[in-house]
Amino acid sequence: MSPEQVELVRDSLRAMAPRLDAVADDFYGRVFTHHPELRVMFPAELADQREKFAEELQTIVAAIPDLDGFLDRARLLGARHGGYGVRAAHYRLFRDLLLESFAAELGEAWTEARASAWRGAYDMVSEAMMMGTTRARQPSLFRR
């Protein structure tokens, strides 16, 4: 990602920050509407889930400029999500729904440049998360 794209992502996240709970609610609503079969992967009550969504989103976006820190954080998140049953195909489904939620929240401030920057950021995060899922599934020579 270019520095300009990183700034677009950070700027739009700052704009959404006061309403990230509502953005998360919108996102999960879209997921469950379009893919009701995925509802079983989530807790019945989503209050904690929405809070985790906001925290992880802010943490990962803040870590993007620090590549090592970003990769470590995203890999750990991916390993956790793999334990919940998240697979590679889910990342593709979630990306478009997440960006739709961002677009709905930002309204006219959601530009093609912001959308492109967020697609790039999301793809970076999801690739790193999938690496974490893969590592979590691989047997270690040192584990018994």
Protein backbone atom coordinates (compact mmCIF):
# COMPACT_ATOMS: atom_id res chain seq x y z
CA MET A 1 0.00 0.00 0.00
CA SER A 2 1.18 3.47 -0.77
CA PRO A 3 1.50 6.06 2.02
CA GLU A 4 -1.46 7.89 0.47
CA GLN A 5 -3.60 4.75 0.65
CA VAL A 6 -2.58 4.12 4.25
CA GLU A 7 -3.62 7.68 5.09
CA LEU A 8 -6.98 7.24 3.33
CA VAL A 9 -7.62 4.10 5.40
CA ARG A 10 -6.58 5.80 8.63
CA ASP A 11 -8.54 8.94 7.89
CA SER A 12 -11.74 7.07 7.10
CA LEU A 13 -11.34 4.88 10.19
CA ARG A 14 -10.97 8.04 12.31
CA ALA A 15 -14.18 9.36 10.73
CA MET A 16 -16.02 6.12 11.57
CA ALA A 17 -14.48 5.66 15.05
CA PRO A 18 -17.36 7.18 17.05
CA ARG A 19 -19.78 4.82 15.30
CA LEU A 20 -17.77 1.62 14.91
CA ASP A 21 -20.33 -0.26 17.00
CA ALA A 22 -23.01 0.69 14.49
CA VAL A 23 -20.69 -0.13 11.57
CA ALA A 24 -20.05 -3.57 13.08
CA ASP A 25 -23.78 -4.08 13.59
CA ASP A 26 -24.42 -3.15 9.97
CA PHE A 27 -21.65 -5.49 8.79
CA TYR A 28 -22.91 -8.48 10.77
CA GLY A 29 -26.43 -7.74 9.59
CA ARG A 30 -25.22 -7.89 6.00
CA VAL A 31 -23.31 -11.13 6.63
CA PHE A 32 -26.33 -12.84 8.21
CA THR A 33 -28.72 -11.54 5.53
CA HIS A 34 -26.57 -12.67 2.61
CA HIS A 35 -25.12 -15.80 4.25
CA PRO A 36 -27.47 -16.99 7.01
CA GLU A 37 -25.60 -20.30 7.14
CA LEU A 38 -22.68 -18.44 8.76
CA ARG A 39 -24.75 -17.28 11.75
CA VAL A 40 -23.72 -20.41 13.70
CA MET A 41 -20.10 -19.21 13.67
CA PHE A 42 -20.99 -16.26 15.89
CA PRO A 43 -22.25 -15.92 19.45
CA ALA A 44 -25.99 -15.40 19.97
CA GLU A 45 -25.35 -12.01 21.57
CA LEU A 46 -23.14 -9.80 19.40
CA ALA A 47 -22.29 -6.99 21.85
CA ASP A 48 -18.83 -8.41 22.65
CA GLN A 49 -18.32 -9.32 18.99
CA ARG A 50 -18.99 -5.73 17.90
CA GLU A 51 -16.53 -4.47 20.51
CA LYS A 52 -13.85 -6.93 19.32
CA PHE A 53 -14.54 -5.90 15.73
CA ALA A 54 -13.87 -2.24 16.55
CA GLU A 55 -10.76 -2.99 18.62
CA GLU A 56 -9.17 -5.29 16.06
CA LEU A 57 -9.94 -2.96 13.18
CA GLN A 58 -8.28 -0.04 14.96
CA THR A 59 -5.31 -2.12 16.10
CA ILE A 60 -4.61 -3.58 12.67
CA VAL A 61 -4.97 -0.25 10.86
CA ALA A 62 -2.60 1.35 13.36
CA ALA A 63 -0.09 -1.48 12.78
CA ILE A 64 -0.04 -1.29 8.96
CA PRO A 65 3.06 0.98 8.79
CA ASP A 66 4.94 -1.43 11.11
CA LEU A 67 5.04 -4.46 8.81
CA ASP A 68 6.41 -6.93 11.37
CA GLY A 69 3.93 -5.85 14.03
CA PHE A 70 1.11 -5.88 11.50
CA LEU A 71 1.96 -9.39 10.28
CA ASP A 72 2.27 -10.75 13.82
CA ARG A 73 -1.08 -9.27 14.84
CA ALA A 74 -2.89 -10.40 11.71
CA ARG A 75 -1.44 -13.93 11.88
CA LEU A 76 -2.58 -14.32 15.48
CA LEU A 77 -6.02 -13.06 14.55
CA GLY A 78 -6.11 -15.50 11.66
CA ALA A 79 -5.14 -18.43 13.87
CA ARG A 80 -8.00 -17.54 16.24
CA HIS A 81 -10.46 -17.18 13.38
CA GLY A 82 -9.36 -20.51 11.93
CA GLY A 83 -10.38 -22.05 15.25
CA TYR A 84 -13.85 -20.55 14.77
CA GLY A 85 -14.18 -22.25 11.39
CA VAL A 86 -13.26 -19.30 9.15
CA ARG A 87 -11.90 -20.49 5.82
CA ALA A 88 -10.32 -18.72 2.83
CA ALA A 89 -13.66 -18.44 1.01
CA HIS A 90 -15.14 -16.52 3.95
CA TYR A 91 -12.57 -13.74 3.59
CA ARG A 92 -13.76 -13.06 0.06
CA LEU A 93 -17.39 -12.99 1.18
CA PHE A 94 -16.69 -10.66 4.08
CA ARG A 95 -14.62 -8.11 2.15
CA ASP A 96 -17.40 -6.80 -0.05
CA LEU A 97 -19.90 -6.75 2.82
CA LEU A 98 -17.46 -4.89 5.05
CA LEU A 99 -16.77 -2.29 2.40
CA GLU A 100 -20.52 -1.88 1.85
CA SER A 101 -20.86 -1.13 5.56
CA PHE A 102 -18.05 1.42 5.38
CA ALA A 103 -19.64 3.04 2.34
CA ALA A 104 -23.00 3.24 4.11
CA GLU A 105 -21.40 4.89 7.14
CA LEU A 106 -19.25 7.39 5.24
CA GLY A 107 -21.84 8.30 2.61
CA GLU A 108 -20.50 10.90 0.18
CA ALA A 109 -17.06 10.72 1.82
CA TRP A 110 -16.74 7.15 0.48
CA THR A 111 -14.82 7.69 -2.74
CA GLU A 112 -13.33 5.26 -5.23
CA ALA A 113 -9.88 6.14 -3.84
CA ARG A 114 -11.01 5.18 -0.31
CA ALA A 115 -12.64 2.00 -1.59
CA SER A 116 -9.46 1.04 -3.42
CA ALA A 117 -7.32 1.76 -0.36
CA TRP A 118 -9.60 -0.33 1.87
CA ARG A 119 -9.63 -3.21 -0.65
CA GLY A 120 -5.83 -3.18 -0.55
CA ALA A 121 -5.76 -3.02 3.25
CA TYR A 122 -8.35 -5.77 3.59
CA ASP A 123 -6.49 -8.01 1.15
CA MET A 124 -3.24 -7.51 3.10
CA VAL A 125 -4.96 -8.33 6.38
CA SER A 126 -6.79 -11.35 5.03
CA GLU A 127 -3.64 -12.79 3.42
CA ALA A 128 -1.74 -12.43 6.67
CA MET A 129 -4.65 -13.92 8.61
CA MET A 130 -4.77 -16.90 6.25
CA MET A 131 -1.03 -17.41 6.85
CA GLY A 132 -1.80 -17.54 10.56
CA THR A 133 -4.56 -20.08 9.99
CA THR A 134 -2.25 -22.24 7.90
CA ARG A 135 0.52 -22.12 10.52
CA ALA A 136 -1.93 -23.01 13.30
CA ARG A 137 -2.96 -26.14 11.39
CA GLN A 138 0.56 -27.33 10.60
CA PRO A 139 2.05 -29.82 13.02
CA SER A 140 5.21 -28.70 14.72
CA LEU A 141 8.25 -30.89 15.13
CA PHE A 142 8.55 -29.54 18.66
CA ARG A 143 4.96 -30.09 19.84
CA ARG A 144 3.92 -33.36 21.40
